[in-house]
């Protein structure tokens, strides 16, 4: 934004008067004090890191590695044999890591 350095500057008194007038006009504005309720509800749904989850139970059934699965030596994820890209030095690597 361009600044006109030749324009007369306002004094501190004039600047404080402007801000008082703005505050008075805002006081009459009825919507200025309203809180957006949707944001408040959304904020309540967030959980902070380190929150106490000791009352939570595991709802996913964990199965051991099946005969048609392997563990990638790079990403350490258990994947289906169809994702096997190659075996190097006795270690299996998935398609994503090769």
PDB file of N, CA and C in Angstrom:
ATOM      1  N   UNK A   1       0.843  -1.171   0.000  1.00  0.00           N
ATOM      2  CA  UNK A   1       0.000   0.000   0.000  1.00  0.00           C
ATOM      3  C   UNK A   1       0.890   1.236   0.000  1.00  0.00           C
ATOM      4  N   UNK A   2       0.556   2.197  -0.847  1.00  0.00           N
ATOM      5  CA  UNK A   2       1.345   3.422  -0.950  1.00  0.00           C
ATOM      6  C   UNK A   2       1.019   4.363   0.200  1.00  0.00           C
ATOM      7  N   UNK A   3       2.021   5.057   0.682  1.00  0.00           N
ATOM      8  CA  UNK A   3       1.853   5.997   1.786  1.00  0.00           C
ATOM      9  C   UNK A   3       2.187   7.394   1.291  1.00  0.00           C
ATOM     10  N   UNK A   4       1.299   8.328   1.571  1.00  0.00           N
ATOM     11  CA  UNK A   4       1.526   9.715   1.199  1.00  0.00           C
ATOM     12  C   UNK A   4       2.199  10.398   2.381  1.00  0.00           C
ATOM     13  N   UNK A   5       3.497  10.628   2.269  1.00  0.00           N
ATOM     14  CA  UNK A   5       4.253  11.227   3.361  1.00  0.00           C
ATOM     15  C   UNK A   5       4.029  12.730   3.468  1.00  0.00           C
ATOM     16  N   UNK A   6       3.427  13.358   2.446  1.00  0.00           N
ATOM     17  CA  UNK A   6       3.164  14.796   2.466  1.00  0.00           C
ATOM     18  C   UNK A   6       1.837  15.125   3.129  1.00  0.00           C
ATOM     19  N   UNK A   7       1.007  14.152   3.373  1.00  0.00           N
ATOM     20  CA  UNK A   7      -0.304  14.393   3.968  1.00  0.00           C
ATOM     21  C   UNK A   7      -0.133  14.790   5.429  1.00  0.00           C
ATOM     22  N   UNK A   8      -1.001  15.673   5.926  1.00  0.00           N
ATOM     23  CA  UNK A   8      -0.895  16.083   7.336  1.00  0.00           C
ATOM     24  C   UNK A   8      -1.197  14.897   8.255  1.00  0.00           C
ATOM     25  N   UNK A   9      -0.437  14.833   9.324  1.00  0.00           N
ATOM     26  CA  UNK A   9      -0.596  13.740  10.274  1.00  0.00           C
ATOM     27  C   UNK A   9      -1.548  14.145  11.385  1.00  0.00           C
ATOM     28  N   UNK A  10      -2.222  13.135  11.951  1.00  0.00           N
ATOM     29  CA  UNK A  10      -3.146  13.390  13.045  1.00  0.00           C
ATOM     30  C   UNK A  10      -2.376  13.412  14.353  1.00  0.00           C
ATOM     31  N   UNK A  11      -2.858  14.219  15.272  1.00  0.00           N
ATOM     32  CA  UNK A  11      -2.232  14.266  16.593  1.00  0.00           C
ATOM     33  C   UNK A  11      -2.749  13.096  17.431  1.00  0.00           C
ATOM     34  N   UNK A  12      -2.144  12.887  18.592  1.00  0.00           N
ATOM     35  CA  UNK A  12      -2.553  11.797  19.486  1.00  0.00           C
ATOM     36  C   UNK A  12      -3.996  11.995  19.952  1.00  0.00           C
ATOM     37  N   UNK A  13      -4.396  13.257  20.158  1.00  0.00           N
ATOM     38  CA  UNK A  13      -5.767  13.537  20.610  1.00  0.00           C
ATOM     39  C   UNK A  13      -6.776  13.151  19.532  1.00  0.00           C
ATOM     40  N   UNK A  14      -6.462  13.485  18.285  1.00  0.00           N
ATOM     41  CA  UNK A  14      -7.371  13.149  17.192  1.00  0.00           C
ATOM     42  C   UNK A  14      -7.469  11.639  17.018  1.00  0.00           C
ATOM     43  N   UNK A  15      -6.361  10.954  17.192  1.00  0.00           N
ATOM     44  CA  UNK A  15      -6.378   9.502  17.040  1.00  0.00           C
ATOM     45  C   UNK A  15      -7.209   8.860  18.158  1.00  0.00           C
ATOM     46  N   UNK A  16      -7.102   9.375  19.386  1.00  0.00           N
ATOM     47  CA  UNK A  16      -7.880   8.809  20.490  1.00  0.00           C
ATOM     48  C   UNK A  16      -9.363   9.107  20.308  1.00  0.00           C
ATOM     49  N   UNK A  17      -9.703  10.266  19.734  1.00  0.00           N
ATOM     50  CA  UNK A  17     -11.100  10.588  19.466  1.00  0.00           C
ATOM     51  C   UNK A  17     -11.680   9.633  18.431  1.00  0.00           C
ATOM     52  N   UNK A  18     -10.898   9.327  17.407  1.00  0.00           N
ATOM     53  CA  UNK A  18     -11.368   8.390  16.391  1.00  0.00           C
ATOM     54  C   UNK A  18     -11.650   7.027  17.003  1.00  0.00           C
ATOM     55  N   UNK A  19     -10.760   6.578  17.843  1.00  0.00           N
ATOM     56  CA  UNK A  19     -10.953   5.257  18.419  1.00  0.00           C
ATOM     57  C   UNK A  19     -12.143   5.237  19.374  1.00  0.00           C
ATOM     58  N   UNK A  20     -12.402   6.343  20.091  1.00  0.00           N
ATOM     59  CA  UNK A  20     -13.565   6.403  20.970  1.00  0.00           C
ATOM     60  C   UNK A  20     -14.853   6.360  20.152  1.00  0.00           C
ATOM     61  N   UNK A  21     -14.845   7.067  19.040  1.00  0.00           N
ATOM     62  CA  UNK A  21     -16.025   7.050  18.177  1.00  0.00           C
ATOM     63  C   UNK A  21     -16.270   5.642  17.626  1.00  0.00           C
ATOM     64  N   UNK A  22     -15.202   4.948  17.266  1.00  0.00           N
ATOM     65  CA  UNK A  22     -15.351   3.579  16.770  1.00  0.00           C
ATOM     66  C   UNK A  22     -15.904   2.670  17.854  1.00  0.00           C
ATOM     67  N   UNK A  23     -15.422   2.833  19.084  1.00  0.00           N
ATOM     68  CA  UNK A  23     -15.908   2.015  20.189  1.00  0.00           C
ATOM     69  C   UNK A  23     -17.382   2.279  20.467  1.00  0.00           C
ATOM     70  N   UNK A  24     -17.783   3.538  20.409  1.00  0.00           N
ATOM     71  CA  UNK A  24     -19.191   3.867  20.629  1.00  0.00           C
ATOM     72  C   UNK A  24     -20.069   3.250  19.552  1.00  0.00           C
ATOM     73  N   UNK A  25     -19.605   3.279  18.314  1.00  0.00           N
ATOM     74  CA  UNK A  25     -20.409   2.702  17.240  1.00  0.00           C
ATOM     75  C   UNK A  25     -20.481   1.173  17.375  1.00  0.00           C
ATOM     76  N   UNK A  26     -19.429   0.576  17.850  1.00  0.00           N
ATOM     77  CA  UNK A  26     -19.445  -0.875  18.057  1.00  0.00           C
ATOM     78  C   UNK A  26     -20.370  -1.265  19.202  1.00  0.00           C
ATOM     79  N   UNK A  27     -20.475  -0.399  20.203  1.00  0.00           N
ATOM     80  CA  UNK A  27     -21.329  -0.693  21.344  1.00  0.00           C
ATOM     81  C   UNK A  27     -22.789  -0.782  20.890  1.00  0.00           C
ATOM     82  N   UNK A  28     -23.150   0.016  19.921  1.00  0.00           N
ATOM     83  CA  UNK A  28     -24.522   0.011  19.407  1.00  0.00           C
ATOM     84  C   UNK A  28     -24.763  -1.175  18.464  1.00  0.00           C
ATOM     85  N   UNK A  29     -23.722  -1.741  17.935  1.00  0.00           N
ATOM     86  CA  UNK A  29     -23.853  -2.884  17.037  1.00  0.00           C
ATOM     87  C   UNK A  29     -24.167  -4.122  17.869  1.00  0.00           C
ATOM     88  N   UNK A  30     -25.336  -4.714  17.686  1.00  0.00           N
ATOM     89  CA  UNK A  30     -25.773  -5.824  18.534  1.00  0.00           C
ATOM     90  C   UNK A  30     -25.081  -7.136  18.183  1.00  0.00           C
ATOM     91  N   UNK A  31     -24.578  -7.285  16.979  1.00  0.00           N
ATOM     92  CA  UNK A  31     -23.966  -8.556  16.583  1.00  0.00           C
ATOM     93  C   UNK A  31     -22.498  -8.640  16.963  1.00  0.00           C
ATOM     94  N   UNK A  32     -21.911  -7.561  17.447  1.00  0.00           N
ATOM     95  CA  UNK A  32     -20.478  -7.582  17.744  1.00  0.00           C
ATOM     96  C   UNK A  32     -20.138  -8.457  18.937  1.00  0.00           C
ATOM     97  N   UNK A  33     -21.072  -8.658  19.866  1.00  0.00           N
ATOM     98  CA  UNK A  33     -20.787  -9.444  21.051  1.00  0.00           C
ATOM     99  C   UNK A  33     -21.188 -10.899  20.943  1.00  0.00           C
ATOM    100  N   UNK A  34     -21.746 -11.298  19.813  1.00  0.00           N
ATOM    101  CA  UNK A  34     -22.201 -12.675  19.670  1.00  0.00           C
ATOM    102  C   UNK A  34     -21.035 -13.611  19.437  1.00  0.00           C
ATOM    103  N   UNK A  35     -21.153 -14.793  20.010  1.00  0.00           N
ATOM    104  CA  UNK A  35     -20.140 -15.830  19.833  1.00  0.00           C
ATOM    105  C   UNK A  35     -20.675 -16.843  18.836  1.00  0.00           C
ATOM    106  N   UNK A  36     -19.843 -17.249  17.921  1.00  0.00           N
ATOM    107  CA  UNK A  36     -20.246 -18.256  16.950  1.00  0.00           C
ATOM    108  C   UNK A  36     -20.338 -19.600  17.659  1.00  0.00           C
ATOM    109  N   UNK A  37     -21.527 -20.117  17.835  1.00  0.00           N
ATOM    110  CA  UNK A  37     -21.738 -21.330  18.617  1.00  0.00           C
ATOM    111  C   UNK A  37     -21.163 -22.567  17.933  1.00  0.00           C
ATOM    112  N   UNK A  38     -21.122 -22.556  16.610  1.00  0.00           N
ATOM    113  CA  UNK A  38     -20.568 -23.712  15.902  1.00  0.00           C
ATOM    114  C   UNK A  38     -19.095 -23.905  16.233  1.00  0.00           C
ATOM    115  N   UNK A  39     -18.339 -22.823  16.316  1.00  0.00           N
ATOM    116  CA  UNK A  39     -16.924 -22.926  16.651  1.00  0.00           C
ATOM    117  C   UNK A  39     -16.728 -23.428  18.071  1.00  0.00           C
ATOM    118  N   UNK A  40     -17.598 -23.010  18.970  1.00  0.00           N
ATOM    119  CA  UNK A  40     -17.492 -23.453  20.352  1.00  0.00           C
ATOM    120  C   UNK A  40     -17.748 -24.955  20.436  1.00  0.00           C
ATOM    121  N   UNK A  41     -18.770 -25.426  19.742  1.00  0.00           N
ATOM    122  CA  UNK A  41     -19.076 -26.858  19.745  1.00  0.00           C
ATOM    123  C   UNK A  41     -17.948 -27.661  19.102  1.00  0.00           C
ATOM    124  N   UNK A  42     -17.383 -27.144  18.045  1.00  0.00           N
ATOM    125  CA  UNK A  42     -16.282 -27.846  17.381  1.00  0.00           C
ATOM    126  C   UNK A  42     -15.054 -27.900  18.280  1.00  0.00           C
ATOM    127  N   UNK A  43     -14.807 -26.844  19.037  1.00  0.00           N
ATOM    128  CA  UNK A  43     -13.643 -26.821  19.921  1.00  0.00           C
ATOM    129  C   UNK A  43     -13.785 -27.830  21.050  1.00  0.00           C
ATOM    130  N   UNK A  44     -15.003 -28.083  21.490  1.00  0.00           N
ATOM    131  CA  UNK A  44     -15.209 -29.053  22.556  1.00  0.00           C
ATOM    132  C   UNK A  44     -14.914 -30.471  22.094  1.00  0.00           C
ATOM    133  N   UNK A  45     -15.031 -30.736  20.799  1.00  0.00           N
ATOM    134  CA  UNK A  45     -14.805 -32.079  20.281  1.00  0.00           C
ATOM    135  C   UNK A  45     -13.314 -32.411  20.155  1.00  0.00           C
ATOM    136  N   UNK A  46     -12.451 -31.419  20.165  1.00  0.00           N
ATOM    137  CA  UNK A  46     -11.018 -31.670  20.031  1.00  0.00           C
ATOM    138  C   UNK A  46     -10.450 -32.208  21.333  1.00  0.00           C
ATOM    139  N   UNK A  47      -9.520 -33.148  21.199  1.00  0.00           N
ATOM    140  CA  UNK A  47      -8.827 -33.652  22.364  1.00  0.00           C
ATOM    141  C   UNK A  47      -7.378 -33.190  22.303  1.00  0.00           C
ATOM    142  N   UNK A  48      -6.892 -32.717  23.412  1.00  0.00           N
ATOM    143  CA  UNK A  48      -5.522 -32.238  23.467  1.00  0.00           C
ATOM    144  C   UNK A  48      -4.559 -33.407  23.573  1.00  0.00           C
ATOM    145  N   UNK A  49      -3.347 -33.267  23.022  1.00  0.00           N
ATOM    146  CA  UNK A  49      -2.357 -34.329  23.173  1.00  0.00           C
ATOM    147  C   UNK A  49      -2.038 -34.531  24.651  1.00  0.00           C
ATOM    148  N   UNK A  50      -1.888 -35.771  25.025  1.00  0.00           N
ATOM    149  CA  UNK A  50      -1.591 -36.077  26.413  1.00  0.00           C
ATOM    150  C   UNK A  50      -2.831 -36.162  27.275  1.00  0.00           C
ATOM    151  N   UNK A  51      -4.013 -36.157  26.641  1.00  0.00           N
ATOM    152  CA  UNK A  51      -5.249 -36.254  27.409  1.00  0.00           C
ATOM    153  C   UNK A  51      -5.346 -37.637  28.042  1.00  0.00           C
ATOM    154  N   UNK A  52      -6.033 -37.713  29.157  1.00  0.00           N
ATOM    155  CA  UNK A  52      -6.191 -38.972  29.885  1.00  0.00           C
ATOM    156  C   UNK A  52      -7.184 -39.860  29.145  1.00  0.00           C
ATOM    157  N   UNK A  53      -6.706 -40.942  28.568  1.00  0.00           N
ATOM    158  CA  UNK A  53      -7.555 -41.885  27.845  1.00  0.00           C
ATOM    159  C   UNK A  53      -7.626 -43.222  28.562  1.00  0.00           C
ATOM    160  N   UNK A  54      -7.361 -43.233  29.868  1.00  0.00           N
ATOM    161  CA  UNK A  54      -7.326 -44.486  30.603  1.00  0.00           C
ATOM    162  C   UNK A  54      -8.701 -45.140  30.687  1.00  0.00           C
ATOM    163  N   UNK A  55      -9.764 -44.375  30.544  1.00  0.00           N
ATOM    164  CA  UNK A  55     -11.104 -44.937  30.612  1.00  0.00           C
ATOM    165  C   UNK A  55     -11.562 -45.530  29.273  1.00  0.00           C
ATOM    166  N   UNK A  56     -10.789 -45.316  28.211  1.00  0.00           N
ATOM    167  CA  UNK A  56     -11.141 -45.831  26.889  1.00  0.00           C
ATOM    168  C   UNK A  56     -10.786 -47.306  26.768  1.00  0.00           C
ATOM    169  N   UNK A  57     -11.584 -48.039  25.993  1.00  0.00           N
ATOM    170  CA  UNK A  57     -11.314 -49.445  25.744  1.00  0.00           C
ATOM    171  C   UNK A  57     -10.990 -49.646  24.272  1.00  0.00           C
ATOM    172  N   UNK A  58     -10.170 -50.629  23.998  1.00  0.00           N
ATOM    173  CA  UNK A  58      -9.804 -50.954  22.631  1.00  0.00           C
ATOM    174  C   UNK A  58     -10.976 -51.643  21.965  1.00  0.00           C
ATOM    175  N   UNK A  59     -11.440 -51.095  20.856  1.00  0.00           N
ATOM    176  CA  UNK A  59     -12.599 -51.655  20.178  1.00  0.00           C
ATOM    177  C   UNK A  59     -12.225 -52.395  18.904  1.00  0.00           C
ATOM    178  N   UNK A  60     -10.944 -52.487  18.602  1.00  0.00           N
ATOM    179  CA  UNK A  60     -10.476 -53.173  17.401  1.00  0.00           C
ATOM    180  C   UNK A  60      -9.911 -54.519  17.800  1.00  0.00           C
ATOM    181  N   UNK A  61     -10.310 -55.541  17.094  1.00  0.00           N
ATOM    182  CA  UNK A  61      -9.791 -56.872  17.383  1.00  0.00           C
ATOM    183  C   UNK A  61      -8.457 -57.037  16.655  1.00  0.00           C
ATOM    184  N   UNK A  62      -7.410 -57.328  17.387  1.00  0.00           N
ATOM    185  CA  UNK A  62      -6.070 -57.462  16.830  1.00  0.00           C
ATOM    186  C   UNK A  62      -5.800 -58.931  16.553  1.00  0.00           C
ATOM    187  N   UNK A  63      -5.422 -59.212  15.303  1.00  0.00           N
ATOM    188  CA  UNK A  63      -5.114 -60.580  14.902  1.00  0.00           C
ATOM    189  C   UNK A  63      -3.617 -60.729  14.717  1.00  0.00           C
ATOM    190  N   UNK A  64      -3.061 -61.905  14.987  1.00  0.00           N
ATOM    191  CA  UNK A  64      -1.638 -62.122  14.707  1.00  0.00           C
ATOM    192  C   UNK A  64      -1.403 -62.153  13.196  1.00  0.00           C
ATOM    193  N   UNK A  65      -0.141 -62.010  12.804  1.00  0.00           N
ATOM    194  CA  UNK A  65       0.214 -62.026  11.387  1.00  0.00           C
ATOM    195  C   UNK A  65      -0.211 -63.356  10.777  1.00  0.00           C
ATOM    196  N   UNK A  66      -0.907 -63.280   9.640  1.00  0.00           N
ATOM    197  CA  UNK A  66      -1.419 -64.462   8.957  1.00  0.00           C
ATOM    198  C   UNK A  66      -0.343 -65.060   8.058  1.00  0.00           C
ATOM    199  N   UNK A  67      -0.598 -66.273   7.554  1.00  0.00           N
ATOM    200  CA  UNK A  67       0.370 -66.983   6.711  1.00  0.00           C
ATOM    201  C   UNK A  67       0.600 -66.261   5.380  1.00  0.00           C
ATOM    202  N   UNK A  68      -0.378 -65.515   4.891  1.00  0.00           N
ATOM    203  CA  UNK A  68      -0.243 -64.814   3.608  1.00  0.00           C
ATOM    204  C   UNK A  68       0.179 -63.351   3.789  1.00  0.00           C
ATOM    205  N   UNK A  69       0.758 -63.004   4.935  1.00  0.00           N
ATOM    206  CA  UNK A  69       1.216 -61.655   5.207  1.00  0.00           C
ATOM    207  C   UNK A  69       2.702 -61.639   5.539  1.00  0.00           C
ATOM    208  N   UNK A  70       3.308 -60.476   5.401  1.00  0.00           N
ATOM    209  CA  UNK A  70       4.726 -60.311   5.749  1.00  0.00           C
ATOM    210  C   UNK A  70       4.911 -58.949   6.398  1.00  0.00           C
ATOM    211  N   UNK A  71       6.010 -58.774   7.109  1.00  0.00           N
ATOM    212  CA  UNK A  71       6.350 -57.495   7.716  1.00  0.00           C
ATOM    213  C   UNK A  71       7.472 -56.869   6.898  1.00  0.00           C
ATOM    214  N   UNK A  72       7.224 -55.653   6.413  1.00  0.00           N
ATOM    215  CA  UNK A  72       8.217 -54.950   5.609  1.00  0.00           C
ATOM    216  C   UNK A  72       9.407 -54.585   6.496  1.00  0.00           C
ATOM    217  N   UNK A  73      10.628 -54.806   5.993  1.00  0.00           N
ATOM    218  CA  UNK A  73      11.841 -54.523   6.755  1.00  0.00           C
ATOM    219  C   UNK A  73      12.147 -53.029   6.801  1.00  0.00           C
ATOM    220  N   UNK A  74      11.470 -52.221   5.973  1.00  0.00           N
ATOM    221  CA  UNK A  74      11.728 -50.791   5.952  1.00  0.00           C
ATOM    222  C   UNK A  74      10.694 -50.010   6.765  1.00  0.00           C
ATOM    223  N   UNK A  75       9.407 -50.200   6.488  1.00  0.00           N
ATOM    224  CA  UNK A  75       8.355 -49.441   7.185  1.00  0.00           C
ATOM    225  C   UNK A  75       7.747 -50.211   8.353  1.00  0.00           C
ATOM    226  N   UNK A  76       8.068 -51.485   8.484  1.00  0.00           N
ATOM    227  CA  UNK A  76       7.618 -52.341   9.584  1.00  0.00           C
ATOM    228  C   UNK A  76       6.100 -52.507   9.646  1.00  0.00           C
ATOM    229  N   UNK A  77       5.420 -52.342   8.513  1.00  0.00           N
ATOM    230  CA  UNK A  77       3.991 -52.585   8.444  1.00  0.00           C
ATOM    231  C   UNK A  77       3.735 -54.011   7.987  1.00  0.00           C
ATOM    232  N   UNK A  78       2.684 -54.614   8.498  1.00  0.00           N
ATOM    233  CA  UNK A  78       2.291 -55.949   8.064  1.00  0.00           C
ATOM    234  C   UNK A  78       1.412 -55.784   6.839  1.00  0.00           C
ATOM    235  N   UNK A  79       1.831 -56.400   5.736  1.00  0.00           N
ATOM    236  CA  UNK A  79       1.122 -56.265   4.466  1.00  0.00           C
ATOM    237  C   UNK A  79       0.858 -57.637   3.860  1.00  0.00           C
ATOM    238  N   UNK A  80      -0.081 -57.661   2.926  1.00  0.00           N
ATOM    239  CA  UNK A  80      -0.413 -58.901   2.230  1.00  0.00           C
ATOM    240  C   UNK A  80       0.711 -59.266   1.257  1.00  0.00           C
ATOM    241  N   UNK A  81       0.864 -60.552   0.966  1.00  0.00           N
ATOM    242  CA  UNK A  81       1.935 -61.023   0.066  1.00  0.00           C
ATOM    243  C   UNK A  81       1.857 -60.379  -1.313  1.00  0.00           C
ATOM    244  N   UNK A  82       0.696 -59.934  -1.723  1.00  0.00           N
ATOM    245  CA  UNK A  82       0.574 -59.267  -3.031  1.00  0.00           C
ATOM    246  C   UNK A  82       1.324 -57.935  -3.046  1.00  0.00           C
ATOM    247  N   UNK A  83       1.663 -57.381  -1.887  1.00  0.00           N
ATOM    248  CA  UNK A  83       2.409 -56.125  -1.787  1.00  0.00           C
ATOM    249  C   UNK A  83       3.918 -56.336  -1.707  1.00  0.00           C
ATOM    250  N   UNK A  84       4.354 -57.611  -1.745  1.00  0.00           N
ATOM    251  CA  UNK A  84       5.781 -57.932  -1.647  1.00  0.00           C
ATOM    252  C   UNK A  84       6.485 -57.544  -2.936  1.00  0.00           C
ATOM    253  N   UNK A  85       7.508 -56.701  -2.837  1.00  0.00           N
ATOM    254  CA  UNK A  85       8.246 -56.251  -4.019  1.00  0.00           C
ATOM    255  C   UNK A  85       9.486 -57.102  -4.217  1.00  0.00           C
ATOM    256  N   UNK A  86      10.290 -57.294  -3.176  1.00  0.00           N
ATOM    257  CA  UNK A  86      11.503 -58.093  -3.298  1.00  0.00           C
ATOM    258  C   UNK A  86      12.009 -58.506  -1.926  1.00  0.00           C
ATOM    259  N   UNK A  87      12.879 -59.481  -1.945  1.00  0.00           N
ATOM    260  CA  UNK A  87      13.519 -59.958  -0.732  1.00  0.00           C
ATOM    261  C   UNK A  87      15.012 -59.753  -0.894  1.00  0.00           C
ATOM    262  N   UNK A  88      15.624 -59.007   0.032  1.00  0.00           N
ATOM    263  CA  UNK A  88      17.062 -58.766   0.002  1.00  0.00           C
ATOM    264  C   UNK A  88      17.665 -59.239   1.313  1.00  0.00           C
ATOM    265  N   UNK A  89      18.608 -60.125   1.246  1.00  0.00           N
ATOM    266  CA  UNK A  89      19.307 -60.590   2.441  1.00  0.00           C
ATOM    267  C   UNK A  89      18.380 -61.216   3.470  1.00  0.00           C
ATOM    268  N   UNK A  90      17.355 -61.903   3.010  1.00  0.00           N
ATOM    269  CA  UNK A  90      16.417 -62.540   3.918  1.00  0.00           C
ATOM    270  C   UNK A  90      15.370 -61.596   4.478  1.00  0.00           C
ATOM    271  N   UNK A  91      15.351 -60.369   4.012  1.00  0.00           N
ATOM    272  CA  UNK A  91      14.364 -59.388   4.480  1.00  0.00           C
ATOM    273  C   UNK A  91      13.394 -59.054   3.357  1.00  0.00           C
ATOM    274  N   UNK A  92      12.121 -58.932   3.717  1.00  0.00           N
ATOM    275  CA  UNK A  92      11.079 -58.616   2.738  1.00  0.00           C
ATOM    276  C   UNK A  92      10.811 -57.112   2.731  1.00  0.00           C
ATOM    277  N   UNK A  93      10.590 -56.572   1.509  1.00  0.00           N
ATOM    278  CA  UNK A  93      10.303 -55.157   1.344  1.00  0.00           C
ATOM    279  C   UNK A  93       9.025 -55.008   0.537  1.00  0.00           C
ATOM    280  N   UNK A  94       8.182 -54.063   0.930  1.00  0.00           N
ATOM    281  CA  UNK A  94       6.910 -53.845   0.239  1.00  0.00           C
ATOM    282  C   UNK A  94       7.105 -52.961  -1.001  1.00  0.00           C
ATOM    283  N   UNK A  95       6.065 -52.895  -1.803  1.00  0.00           N
ATOM    284  CA  UNK A  95       6.103 -52.122  -3.050  1.00  0.00           C
ATOM    285  C   UNK A  95       6.307 -50.635  -2.750  1.00  0.00           C
ATOM    286  N   UNK A  96       5.740 -50.135  -1.680  1.00  0.00           N
ATOM    287  CA  UNK A  96       5.855 -48.710  -1.344  1.00  0.00           C
ATOM    288  C   UNK A  96       7.283 -48.314  -0.953  1.00  0.00           C
ATOM    289  N   UNK A  97       8.012 -49.215  -0.330  1.00  0.00           N
ATOM    290  CA  UNK A  97       9.351 -48.876   0.170  1.00  0.00           C
ATOM    291  C   UNK A  97      10.453 -49.120  -0.854  1.00  0.00           C
ATOM    292  N   UNK A  98      10.187 -49.875  -1.884  1.00  0.00           N
ATOM    293  CA  UNK A  98      11.226 -50.147  -2.886  1.00  0.00           C
ATOM    294  C   UNK A  98      11.243 -49.051  -3.870  1.00  0.00           C
TER     295      UNK A  98
END
